[in-house]
Protein backbone atom coordinates (compact mmCIF):
# COMPACT_ATOMS: atom_id res chain seq x y z
CA MET A 1 -0.96 21.50 29.44
CA ASP A 2 0.83 19.17 28.66
CA ARG A 3 3.40 21.32 25.46
CA LEU A 4 3.78 18.44 23.34
CA GLN A 5 1.04 16.73 23.34
CA ALA A 6 -0.56 20.00 21.83
CA ILE A 7 2.21 19.88 19.15
CA GLU A 8 1.21 16.89 17.93
CA VAL A 9 -2.97 17.26 17.75
CA PHE A 10 -1.92 21.09 15.75
CA THR A 11 -0.38 18.24 13.26
CA ARG A 12 -3.20 15.54 13.70
CA VAL A 13 -5.01 19.18 12.26
CA VAL A 14 -3.85 21.61 10.32
CA GLU A 15 -2.70 17.72 7.94
CA THR A 16 -6.45 16.17 8.26
CA ASN A 17 -8.45 19.63 8.25
CA SER A 18 -10.69 18.46 12.03
CA PHE A 19 -10.92 19.12 14.91
CA SER A 20 -13.72 15.55 14.33
CA LYS A 21 -11.64 13.10 12.81
CA ALA A 22 -7.78 14.55 14.56
CA ALA A 23 -9.38 13.45 17.56
CA GLU A 24 -10.07 9.32 16.58
CA LEU A 25 -6.77 9.27 15.15
CA LEU A 26 -5.44 9.58 18.21
CA ASP A 27 -8.34 8.57 20.04
CA LEU A 28 -9.60 12.30 22.15
CA PRO A 29 -12.05 13.57 22.58
CA ARG A 30 -13.07 16.56 20.33
CA GLY A 31 -13.64 18.24 22.83
CA SER A 32 -9.50 17.69 24.75
CA VAL A 33 -8.37 18.41 21.15
CA SER A 34 -10.22 21.65 20.82
CA THR A 35 -8.78 22.46 24.37
CA LEU A 36 -5.53 21.68 23.70
CA ILE A 37 -5.51 24.23 19.96
CA GLN A 38 -6.93 27.28 22.29
CA GLY A 39 -4.40 26.80 24.89
CA LEU A 40 -2.02 26.04 22.55
CA GLU A 41 -2.77 29.66 20.89
CA GLN A 42 -3.15 31.27 24.03
CA GLN A 43 1.01 30.36 24.94
CA LEU A 44 2.08 31.22 21.56
CA GLY A 45 -0.04 34.46 21.01
CA VAL A 46 -0.79 33.49 18.38
CA ARG A 47 -3.69 32.52 15.95
CA LEU A 48 -2.97 28.91 14.07
CA LEU A 49 -5.44 27.57 12.79
CA ASN A 50 -9.15 30.00 11.42
CA ARG A 51 -11.99 27.81 12.68
CA THR A 52 -15.26 27.58 10.53
CA THR A 53 -19.04 25.72 11.16
CA ARG A 54 -17.63 24.26 8.26
CA GLN A 55 -13.80 23.57 7.56
CA VAL A 56 -10.81 24.35 9.18
CA SER A 57 -7.45 25.60 7.89
CA VAL A 58 -4.35 26.41 8.89
CA THR A 59 -2.97 30.83 9.64
CA GLU A 60 0.32 31.82 7.74
CA ASP A 61 1.52 31.71 11.35
CA GLY A 62 0.34 27.86 11.90
CA ALA A 63 1.91 26.79 8.13
CA LEU A 64 5.25 28.07 9.40
CA TYR A 65 5.13 26.72 13.09
CA TYR A 66 3.51 23.23 11.78
CA GLU A 67 7.00 22.96 9.54
CA ARG A 68 9.14 23.03 12.73
CA CYS A 69 6.29 20.89 14.58
CA ILE A 70 6.78 17.53 12.50
CA ARG A 71 10.60 18.65 12.31
CA VAL A 72 11.23 18.73 16.38
CA LEU A 73 8.20 15.56 17.34
CA ALA A 74 10.54 12.96 14.08
CA GLU A 75 14.07 14.87 15.78
CA LEU A 76 12.82 13.40 19.27
CA ALA A 77 11.75 10.49 17.93
CA ASP A 78 14.40 9.47 16.65
CA ALA A 79 16.78 10.65 20.09
CA GLU A 80 13.85 7.83 22.33
CA SER A 81 14.76 5.75 20.20
CA SER A 82 18.96 6.22 20.26
CA LEU A 83 18.70 6.44 24.49
CA SER A 84 17.03 3.48 24.62
CA ASN A 85 18.15 1.42 22.30
CA LYS A 86 15.20 1.07 20.44
CA ARG A 87 16.54 1.90 16.81
CA GLN A 88 17.55 -1.78 17.30
CA ASN A 89 14.06 -2.18 19.38
CA PRO A 90 12.01 0.26 17.89
CA THR A 91 8.23 0.65 19.42
CA GLY A 92 4.98 1.36 18.03
CA THR A 93 2.42 1.22 15.81
CA VAL A 94 3.58 0.61 12.15
CA ARG A 95 -0.71 1.55 10.17
CA VAL A 96 0.11 0.46 6.64
CA ASP A 97 -2.71 -0.14 3.82
CA THR A 98 -1.66 -2.59 0.90
CA SER A 99 -4.89 -4.93 -1.47
CA GLY A 100 -5.75 -7.87 0.00
CA THR A 101 -3.84 -9.93 -2.14
CA LEU A 102 -0.15 -8.41 -1.03
CA ALA A 103 -0.83 -9.13 2.19
CA ARG A 104 -1.73 -11.73 1.56
CA THR A 105 0.40 -13.43 -0.50
CA LEU A 106 3.83 -11.27 1.05
CA LEU A 107 3.54 -10.33 4.07
CA LEU A 108 1.64 -12.98 6.14
CA PRO A 109 4.12 -15.95 5.27
CA ALA A 110 6.68 -13.27 6.84
CA LEU A 111 4.80 -11.49 8.91
CA ASP A 112 6.41 -14.28 11.61
CA GLU A 113 9.99 -12.85 11.49
CA PHE A 114 9.44 -9.65 11.56
CA TYR A 115 8.10 -10.62 14.74
CA ARG A 116 10.69 -11.99 16.20
CA THR A 117 12.86 -8.84 14.35
CA TYR A 118 11.41 -6.43 16.34
CA PRO A 119 9.04 -7.60 18.88
CA HIS A 120 7.51 -4.27 20.09
CA ILE A 121 6.22 -3.08 16.94
CA ASP A 122 2.81 -3.31 16.04
CA VAL A 123 1.47 -3.20 12.54
CA ARG A 124 -2.31 -2.27 11.21
CA LEU A 125 -2.46 -3.33 8.21
CA GLY A 126 -5.75 -1.60 6.24
CA LEU A 127 -6.32 -3.58 3.15
CA ALA A 128 -8.16 -1.30 0.35
CA ASP A 129 -7.31 -1.73 -3.10
CA ARG A 130 -8.16 1.89 -4.46
CA ASN A 131 -6.33 5.37 -3.64
CA ILE A 132 -7.23 6.38 -0.23
CA ASP A 133 -5.38 10.18 1.26
CA LEU A 134 -2.80 8.61 3.51
CA ILE A 135 -2.94 12.05 5.82
CA GLN A 136 -6.49 12.51 6.15
CA ASP A 137 -6.68 8.65 7.04
CA GLY A 138 -3.61 8.36 9.48
CA VAL A 139 -1.51 6.36 7.53
CA ASP A 140 1.92 5.73 7.48
CA CYS A 141 2.88 3.66 4.63
CA VAL A 142 0.88 2.55 1.71
CA ILE A 143 2.02 -0.83 -0.78
CA ARG A 144 1.12 -1.00 -4.12
CA MET A 145 1.59 -2.48 -7.49
CA GLY A 146 1.31 -0.77 -10.63
CA ALA A 147 2.47 3.06 -12.08
CA LEU A 148 1.20 4.39 -9.32
CA GLU A 149 0.07 8.50 -10.42
CA GLU A 150 0.01 10.01 -6.16
CA SER A 151 3.08 12.50 -7.40
CA SER A 152 2.96 14.11 -4.57
CA LEU A 153 3.50 11.16 -2.58
CA VAL A 154 7.19 9.71 -2.13
CA ALA A 155 7.34 6.49 -3.50
CA ARG A 156 9.76 3.14 -3.44
CA ARG A 157 10.34 1.20 -5.80
CA ILE A 158 11.26 -1.88 -3.57
CA GLY A 159 10.45 -4.59 -6.86
CA SER A 160 9.44 -5.64 -9.91
CA ALA A 161 6.82 -8.16 -10.40
CA ARG A 162 6.96 -11.20 -13.36
CA ILE A 163 3.75 -11.26 -15.00
CA THR A 164 2.27 -15.08 -15.90
CA THR A 165 -0.18 -15.80 -17.84
CA CYS A 166 -2.19 -19.04 -16.47
CA ALA A 167 -5.18 -21.10 -16.00
CA SER A 168 -6.34 -24.17 -14.16
CA PRO A 169 -5.94 -28.54 -15.32
CA ALA A 170 -9.87 -29.03 -15.30
CA TYR A 171 -9.62 -25.38 -17.39
CA LEU A 172 -7.24 -26.46 -20.17
CA GLU A 173 -8.43 -30.23 -20.55
CA GLU A 174 -11.57 -28.71 -20.96
CA HIS A 175 -10.76 -26.14 -24.22
CA GLY A 176 -7.02 -26.76 -24.77
CA THR A 177 -3.61 -25.10 -24.31
CA PRO A 178 -2.90 -22.66 -26.19
CA ALA A 179 -0.37 -22.25 -27.76
CA THR A 180 -0.10 -18.68 -29.70
CA LEU A 181 -1.33 -15.54 -29.21
CA GLU A 182 -3.61 -16.52 -31.99
CA ASP A 183 -4.91 -19.56 -30.63
CA LEU A 184 -5.73 -16.72 -27.48
CA LYS A 185 -7.85 -15.01 -29.08
CA GLN A 186 -9.64 -18.69 -29.11
CA HIS A 187 -10.08 -18.41 -25.26
CA ARG A 188 -11.80 -16.93 -22.39
CA ALA A 189 -10.21 -14.84 -19.70
CA ILE A 190 -11.23 -14.16 -15.71
CA ASN A 191 -11.93 -9.98 -16.36
CA TYR A 192 -10.14 -8.12 -14.03
CA VAL A 193 -11.27 -4.49 -13.17
CA SER A 194 -9.21 -1.32 -11.27
CA ALA A 195 -11.43 -0.55 -8.33
CA ARG A 196 -10.23 2.63 -8.54
CA SER A 197 -10.63 3.25 -11.71
CA GLY A 198 -12.82 0.72 -12.69
CA LYS A 199 -10.57 0.06 -16.29
CA THR A 200 -10.94 -3.48 -17.36
CA PHE A 201 -7.32 -4.37 -18.23
CA PRO A 202 -6.42 -6.79 -21.46
CA PHE A 203 -3.62 -9.38 -21.57
CA GLU A 204 -0.56 -8.20 -22.68
CA PHE A 205 2.96 -9.71 -23.77
CA ASP A 206 5.90 -7.89 -25.12
CA VAL A 207 6.12 -8.74 -28.99
CA ASN A 208 9.83 -7.96 -29.95
CA GLY A 209 9.66 -4.47 -28.08
CA GLU A 210 5.44 -4.12 -28.35
CA ILE A 211 3.41 -4.20 -26.23
CA VAL A 212 0.58 -6.06 -27.92
CA ARG A 213 -2.51 -5.70 -25.91
CA ILE A 214 -5.91 -8.43 -25.72
CA SER A 215 -8.57 -8.45 -24.60
CA LEU A 216 -10.47 -11.29 -24.30
CA ASP A 217 -14.46 -11.79 -23.74
CA GLY A 218 -15.33 -14.07 -19.85
CA ALA A 219 -18.20 -14.14 -18.13
CA LEU A 220 -16.28 -13.08 -14.88
CA ALA A 221 -14.87 -10.12 -13.57
CA VAL A 222 -13.60 -9.12 -10.47
CA ASN A 223 -12.19 -6.58 -8.84
CA ASP A 224 -9.79 -8.41 -5.88
CA GLY A 225 -7.11 -9.75 -6.60
CA THR A 226 -7.73 -12.65 -4.36
CA VAL A 227 -10.70 -13.33 -5.75
CA TYR A 228 -9.29 -13.02 -9.80
CA ILE A 229 -7.08 -15.41 -8.45
CA SER A 230 -9.32 -18.48 -6.48
CA ALA A 231 -11.46 -18.01 -9.42
CA GLY A 232 -8.47 -19.29 -11.48
CA VAL A 233 -8.25 -21.94 -9.67
CA HIS A 234 -11.95 -23.07 -9.99
CA GLY A 235 -11.54 -22.50 -13.98
CA PHE A 236 -13.38 -19.80 -14.67
CA GLY A 237 -11.18 -19.10 -17.46
CA ILE A 238 -7.08 -17.89 -18.38
CA ILE A 239 -5.68 -14.85 -15.71
CA GLN A 240 -2.58 -13.45 -16.21
CA PRO A 241 -1.19 -12.60 -12.75
CA SER A 242 1.44 -11.28 -10.71
CA ARG A 243 3.52 -14.46 -10.77
CA PHE A 244 4.78 -14.71 -7.05
CA MET A 245 1.00 -14.49 -5.89
CA VAL A 246 0.39 -17.68 -7.81
CA ALA A 247 4.16 -19.15 -7.22
CA ASP A 248 2.63 -21.76 -4.85
CA LEU A 249 -0.81 -22.70 -7.09
CA ILE A 250 1.41 -23.86 -9.70
CA ALA A 251 3.84 -26.31 -7.52
CA ARG A 252 1.07 -27.52 -5.60
CA GLY A 253 -0.59 -28.01 -9.71
CA GLU A 254 -3.77 -26.35 -9.16
CA LEU A 255 -2.54 -23.38 -12.10
CA THR A 256 -0.65 -24.00 -15.59
CA GLU A 257 1.81 -22.03 -16.88
CA ILE A 258 0.72 -21.62 -20.23
CA LEU A 259 2.53 -19.46 -23.42
CA THR A 260 5.78 -18.98 -21.33
CA THR A 261 7.85 -18.12 -24.77
CA TYR A 262 5.79 -15.16 -24.73
CA HIS A 263 7.05 -12.51 -21.60
CA ALA A 264 4.84 -10.11 -19.59
CA PRO A 265 6.18 -6.59 -19.26
CA PRO A 266 6.43 -6.39 -15.48
CA THR A 267 5.10 -4.09 -13.00
CA PRO A 268 6.40 -2.12 -10.26
CA LEU A 269 6.08 -2.69 -6.17
CA SER A 270 6.12 1.10 -4.35
CA ILE A 271 5.61 1.49 -1.00
CA VAL A 272 4.07 4.69 -1.18
CA TYR A 273 5.10 7.24 1.98
CA PRO A 274 3.16 11.16 2.67
CA HIS A 275 5.36 13.85 1.58
CA ARG A 276 5.19 15.93 5.14
CA ARG A 277 6.58 12.61 7.57
CA HIS A 278 10.39 12.58 8.32
CA LEU A 279 10.29 8.64 9.23
CA SER A 280 10.21 7.18 12.53
CA SER A 281 12.57 4.07 13.42
CA ARG A 282 9.77 2.09 13.46
CA VAL A 283 8.06 2.74 9.83
CA ARG A 284 12.13 2.74 8.78
CA ALA A 285 12.21 -0.81 10.41
CA PHE A 286 9.31 -2.09 8.65
CA THR A 287 9.36 -0.50 5.24
CA ASP A 288 13.55 -2.65 5.17
CA TRP A 289 12.30 -5.88 5.94
CA VAL A 290 9.37 -5.27 3.76
CA THR A 291 11.47 -3.90 0.56
CA GLU A 292 14.58 -7.08 1.45
CA LEU A 293 11.59 -9.15 1.71
CA ALA A 294 10.65 -8.38 -2.26
CA HIS A 295 14.73 -8.52 -2.56
CA ARG A 296 14.58 -12.27 -1.62
CA ASN A 297 11.89 -13.27 -4.03
CA PRO A 298 13.86 -14.40 -7.76
CA ASP A 299 9.46 -13.50 -9.02
CA LEU A 300 10.06 -9.95 -7.38
CA SER A 301 13.85 -8.91 -8.27
CA LEU A 302 14.23 -5.96 -9.78
């Protein structure tokens, strides 16, 4: 039995509560996962997992062993990196979850820079603007906009996104340009609906230290950031996106900023990690790069 492989398999089974899910994440046959766990239990002389037809749960001994195992795996990964100079040149795959809009506007334009610095790291992007289970889905980190609700996870605030109010020149030519918040109430919006909560977000403005929320009528509502911005470019109404996401469109004249004397409260940008995971050198390299990328952007500065 490959003891190290068995330990890795065991930690995945504990984290996913499933032999099948662990096998899928590790690209192993389910039978091999069961065999490795059985061999590990026989070698240790204790039962690590309770198995029923419907679920898998960790025993008390298994929980203690798991805590030691994840530390050993993290330390081993760092030791291998040190011995082979991989701390400067880490290798492997980083699994990242984010929204399609963040991927398109923040990550993809600069990803060549990351690959030049870390040519042996592969990035696997999952695109979902919703809550996910980082451990169940086998994700190393999540990049998210907005307030975070996952209190059991570890979050690292990396930026604060400026918010802008804008519309297409064609929309403003047809409907006029609002100069005040009272004027804005006579216009129509493209409403953004959270894919996670189903909540429709009103426009927000900071007026003398108080947040003023304005809900506008609109014939179109969407739950995807890229579509939201595209609908604004096509003139379906006024939008209020993060400015870094539309900076290129503003520069090209495809969107026009309005109500610039009114400031919207900024939105936090964060990286979230599973709470029990030590960061490998490759995940640390990627998250440090994303943090530095956000700090360089004037529309994301903390």
